[in-house]
């Protein structure tokens, strides 16, 4: 009964209104990243957003629907990744319930936990459905590792554990910044506003730090990637 009550709590009218917006955010940003062949994903910002303010079940549904709709309407390569998107939303939601979305440094912990989850879940999909080389820019790293003599599974795992922490921590920080920019009155209309209670006096500082850290992480990752592939 507790599980059923938890699921029901996530899905209010405001949740159903937010989910399509979050899906659009995921698909638009994700498709831009694919087209530009960037070595990150950033296609889960909307999923994390819903997971935090509405709950883990709503986050899981948002992630799942994002990849299904993206795969069916725009890019078929996105469809097989729906289990990863589901787990991202689910884990991010529970991290928020546990209080790990109330400050920028706690959000980084959430991002790391989500990253480990995504790396583990995505590896079998990348290996057995795509042979290790996917449409994402991170496949350059996998290809490089394969050229150095690594076996397929270790190469994909290494790539995922390199890419995912930078990507998911940045994703969670950007979602945190978006949520921080919303009014307390507006957030109170969602099922789980207590997940993002931020001191009013620190709100602006927290948002700025989150954005700056997200940008720094992406720049550091880009620098590492350039040096790795250029060596």
Protein backbone atom coordinates (compact mmCIF):
# COMPACT_ATOMS: atom_id res chain seq x y z
CA UNK A 1 0.00 0.00 0.00
CA UNK A 2 2.85 2.39 0.77
CA UNK A 3 4.21 2.00 -2.76
CA UNK A 4 0.81 2.72 -4.27
CA UNK A 5 0.39 5.77 -2.05
CA UNK A 6 3.86 6.98 -3.01
CA UNK A 7 3.03 6.63 -6.70
CA UNK A 8 -0.29 8.44 -6.28
CA UNK A 9 1.41 11.28 -4.42
CA UNK A 10 3.70 11.96 -7.38
CA UNK A 11 0.95 12.41 -9.96
CA UNK A 12 -1.03 15.57 -9.36
CA UNK A 13 -2.42 17.92 -11.99
CA UNK A 14 0.73 20.05 -11.76
CA UNK A 15 2.87 16.99 -12.36
CA UNK A 16 0.98 16.11 -15.53
CA UNK A 17 1.37 19.72 -16.71
CA UNK A 18 5.12 19.71 -16.05
CA UNK A 19 5.93 16.34 -17.64
CA UNK A 20 5.39 17.43 -21.31
CA UNK A 21 7.51 20.54 -20.69
CA UNK A 22 10.27 18.41 -19.17
CA UNK A 23 10.12 15.96 -22.08
CA UNK A 24 10.51 18.84 -24.54
CA UNK A 25 13.55 20.11 -22.60
CA UNK A 26 15.13 16.65 -22.69
CA UNK A 27 14.50 16.03 -26.37
CA UNK A 28 15.54 19.48 -27.63
CA UNK A 29 18.78 19.62 -25.66
CA UNK A 30 19.52 15.94 -26.30
CA UNK A 31 19.02 16.31 -30.05
CA UNK A 32 21.25 19.40 -30.19
CA UNK A 33 23.99 17.45 -28.41
CA UNK A 34 23.63 14.53 -30.86
CA UNK A 35 23.69 16.77 -33.93
CA UNK A 36 26.78 18.63 -32.70
CA UNK A 37 28.40 15.32 -31.63
CA UNK A 38 29.24 16.79 -28.23
CA UNK A 39 30.90 14.38 -25.77
CA UNK A 40 28.20 14.93 -23.12
CA UNK A 41 24.48 14.12 -23.00
CA UNK A 42 22.61 16.78 -20.96
CA UNK A 43 19.36 15.09 -22.02
CA UNK A 44 18.04 14.49 -18.50
CA UNK A 45 17.63 18.00 -17.13
CA UNK A 46 13.85 17.81 -17.50
CA UNK A 47 13.77 14.35 -15.96
CA UNK A 48 15.68 15.47 -12.87
CA UNK A 49 13.49 18.56 -12.63
CA UNK A 50 10.31 16.46 -12.44
CA UNK A 51 11.90 13.85 -10.18
CA UNK A 52 12.83 16.49 -7.62
CA UNK A 53 9.61 18.51 -7.41
CA UNK A 54 7.13 15.70 -8.15
CA UNK A 55 8.86 12.51 -6.98
CA UNK A 56 10.81 9.48 -8.18
CA UNK A 57 7.91 7.75 -9.92
CA UNK A 58 7.06 10.86 -11.93
CA UNK A 59 10.75 11.28 -12.73
CA UNK A 60 11.00 7.69 -13.93
CA UNK A 61 7.95 8.13 -16.18
CA UNK A 62 9.32 11.39 -17.58
CA UNK A 63 12.65 9.81 -18.45
CA UNK A 64 10.99 6.79 -20.04
CA UNK A 65 8.54 8.83 -22.13
CA UNK A 66 11.29 11.22 -23.20
CA UNK A 67 13.34 8.50 -24.84
CA UNK A 68 10.35 6.70 -26.30
CA UNK A 69 8.96 9.88 -27.89
CA UNK A 70 12.43 11.02 -28.98
CA UNK A 71 13.13 7.60 -30.49
CA UNK A 72 9.82 7.24 -32.28
CA UNK A 73 9.57 10.78 -33.67
CA UNK A 74 13.13 12.00 -34.22
CA UNK A 75 16.07 9.69 -33.56
CA UNK A 76 15.56 5.89 -33.36
CA UNK A 77 18.92 5.58 -31.59
CA UNK A 78 17.40 7.21 -28.51
CA UNK A 79 14.73 4.54 -28.00
CA UNK A 80 16.84 1.70 -26.52
CA UNK A 81 18.13 3.99 -23.76
CA UNK A 82 14.79 4.33 -22.00
CA UNK A 83 15.83 2.03 -19.08
CA UNK A 84 18.72 4.42 -18.37
CA UNK A 85 16.40 7.42 -18.46
CA UNK A 86 13.96 5.63 -16.18
CA UNK A 87 16.63 4.91 -13.57
CA UNK A 88 17.98 8.47 -13.76
CA UNK A 89 14.57 9.85 -12.83
CA UNK A 90 13.95 7.24 -10.19
CA UNK A 91 17.30 7.60 -8.43
CA UNK A 92 17.33 11.41 -8.64
CA UNK A 93 13.86 11.48 -7.12
CA UNK A 94 14.81 9.33 -4.16
CA UNK A 95 17.99 11.33 -3.59
CA UNK A 96 15.82 14.44 -3.40
CA UNK A 97 13.46 12.73 -0.95
CA UNK A 98 16.50 11.96 1.22
CA UNK A 99 17.45 15.63 1.32
CA UNK A 100 20.20 15.63 -1.30
CA UNK A 101 18.80 18.50 -3.36
CA UNK A 102 18.81 21.38 -0.88
CA UNK A 103 22.25 22.85 -1.56
CA UNK A 104 24.66 22.85 -4.48
CA UNK A 105 27.17 20.49 -2.84
CA UNK A 106 24.45 17.98 -1.92
CA UNK A 107 23.24 18.15 -5.52
CA UNK A 108 26.73 17.11 -6.61
CA UNK A 109 26.38 13.99 -4.46
CA UNK A 110 23.05 13.28 -6.13
CA UNK A 111 24.66 13.75 -9.53
CA UNK A 112 27.42 11.29 -8.71
CA UNK A 113 24.95 8.64 -7.49
CA UNK A 114 22.87 9.12 -10.63
CA UNK A 115 26.04 8.92 -12.75
CA UNK A 116 27.08 5.57 -11.28
CA UNK A 117 23.57 4.23 -11.86
CA UNK A 118 23.51 5.46 -15.46
CA UNK A 119 26.99 4.04 -16.18
CA UNK A 120 26.01 0.58 -14.94
CA UNK A 121 22.63 0.45 -16.68
CA UNK A 122 23.86 1.89 -19.99
CA UNK A 123 26.88 -0.38 -20.45
CA UNK A 124 24.98 -3.56 -21.50
CA UNK A 125 22.87 -1.51 -23.92
CA UNK A 126 25.92 0.10 -25.49
CA UNK A 127 27.78 -3.22 -25.77
CA UNK A 128 25.06 -5.60 -26.95
CA UNK A 129 22.88 -3.30 -29.05
CA UNK A 130 25.46 -0.91 -30.49
CA UNK A 131 28.73 -2.81 -30.32
CA UNK A 132 30.14 -0.14 -28.02
CA UNK A 133 29.96 2.68 -30.58
CA UNK A 134 26.83 4.82 -30.24
CA UNK A 135 25.62 8.07 -31.79
CA UNK A 136 26.91 10.14 -28.87
CA UNK A 137 30.14 12.09 -28.95
CA UNK A 138 31.49 10.02 -26.06
CA UNK A 139 31.99 7.15 -28.48
CA UNK A 140 35.21 8.88 -29.55
CA UNK A 141 36.60 7.87 -26.16
CA UNK A 142 35.43 4.27 -26.56
CA UNK A 143 36.98 4.10 -30.02
CA UNK A 144 40.24 5.49 -28.66
CA UNK A 145 40.34 2.92 -25.85
CA UNK A 146 39.61 0.09 -28.29
CA UNK A 147 42.53 1.26 -30.44
CA UNK A 148 44.81 1.09 -27.40
CA UNK A 149 43.98 -2.59 -27.00
CA UNK A 150 41.19 -2.50 -24.42
CA UNK A 151 38.46 -5.13 -24.66
CA UNK A 152 34.98 -3.92 -25.57
CA UNK A 153 33.25 -4.12 -22.18
CA UNK A 154 36.12 -2.51 -20.20
CA UNK A 155 36.37 0.20 -22.86
CA UNK A 156 32.66 1.03 -22.65
CA UNK A 157 32.67 0.91 -18.84
CA UNK A 158 35.71 3.17 -18.69
CA UNK A 159 34.05 5.64 -21.04
CA UNK A 160 30.84 5.65 -19.04
CA UNK A 161 32.58 6.14 -15.72
CA UNK A 162 34.57 9.01 -17.23
CA UNK A 163 31.68 10.77 -18.97
CA UNK A 164 28.73 10.15 -16.65
CA UNK A 165 29.98 11.92 -13.49
CA UNK A 166 30.73 15.13 -15.38
CA UNK A 167 27.48 14.94 -17.33
CA UNK A 168 25.09 13.95 -14.55
CA UNK A 169 26.55 16.25 -11.90
CA UNK A 170 26.29 19.15 -14.38
CA UNK A 171 22.76 18.04 -15.28
CA UNK A 172 21.65 17.97 -11.65
CA UNK A 173 23.27 21.34 -10.94
CA UNK A 174 21.49 22.94 -13.90
CA UNK A 175 18.17 21.43 -12.81
CA UNK A 176 18.84 22.76 -9.31
CA UNK A 177 19.47 26.24 -10.74
CA UNK A 178 16.20 26.14 -12.67
CA UNK A 179 14.25 25.03 -9.60
CA UNK A 180 15.99 27.68 -7.50
CA UNK A 181 14.76 30.33 -9.90
CA UNK A 182 11.13 29.36 -9.33
CA UNK A 183 9.08 31.06 -6.64
CA UNK A 184 8.34 29.29 -3.38
CA UNK A 185 4.61 29.79 -4.00
CA UNK A 186 4.85 28.09 -7.39
CA UNK A 187 6.91 25.17 -6.08
CA UNK A 188 4.37 24.63 -3.31
CA UNK A 189 1.86 23.53 -5.96
CA UNK A 190 3.91 20.40 -6.70
CA UNK A 191 3.77 17.16 -4.68
CA UNK A 192 7.20 17.46 -3.04
CA UNK A 193 8.18 21.10 -2.46
CA UNK A 194 9.99 20.06 0.71
CA UNK A 195 12.66 18.43 -1.47
CA UNK A 196 13.99 21.83 -2.53
CA UNK A 197 13.68 24.00 0.54
CA UNK A 198 16.47 26.58 0.21
CA UNK A 199 17.10 29.43 2.63
CA UNK A 200 15.85 32.63 0.98
CA UNK A 201 19.02 34.47 1.95
CA UNK A 202 21.15 31.85 0.19
CA UNK A 203 18.96 31.16 -2.84
CA UNK A 204 20.71 33.51 -5.28
CA UNK A 205 24.17 32.43 -4.14
CA UNK A 206 23.25 28.76 -4.44
CA UNK A 207 21.97 29.27 -7.99
CA UNK A 208 25.08 31.15 -9.10
CA UNK A 209 27.42 28.57 -7.58
CA UNK A 210 25.46 25.71 -9.19
CA UNK A 211 25.70 27.27 -12.66
CA UNK A 212 29.37 28.15 -12.29
CA UNK A 213 30.30 24.68 -11.05
CA UNK A 214 28.32 23.06 -13.88
CA UNK A 215 30.18 25.15 -16.47
CA UNK A 216 33.54 24.44 -14.83
CA UNK A 217 32.84 20.70 -14.84
CA UNK A 218 32.00 20.73 -18.54
CA UNK A 219 35.15 22.77 -19.31
CA UNK A 220 37.35 20.43 -17.25
CA UNK A 221 35.85 17.42 -18.98
CA UNK A 222 36.39 19.00 -22.39
CA UNK A 223 40.01 19.74 -21.49
CA UNK A 224 40.58 16.14 -20.36
CA UNK A 225 38.97 14.83 -23.52
CA UNK A 226 41.04 17.03 -25.82
CA UNK A 227 44.25 15.95 -24.10
CA UNK A 228 43.23 12.29 -24.07
CA UNK A 229 42.35 12.13 -27.75
CA UNK A 230 45.25 14.35 -28.73
CA UNK A 231 47.86 12.22 -27.00
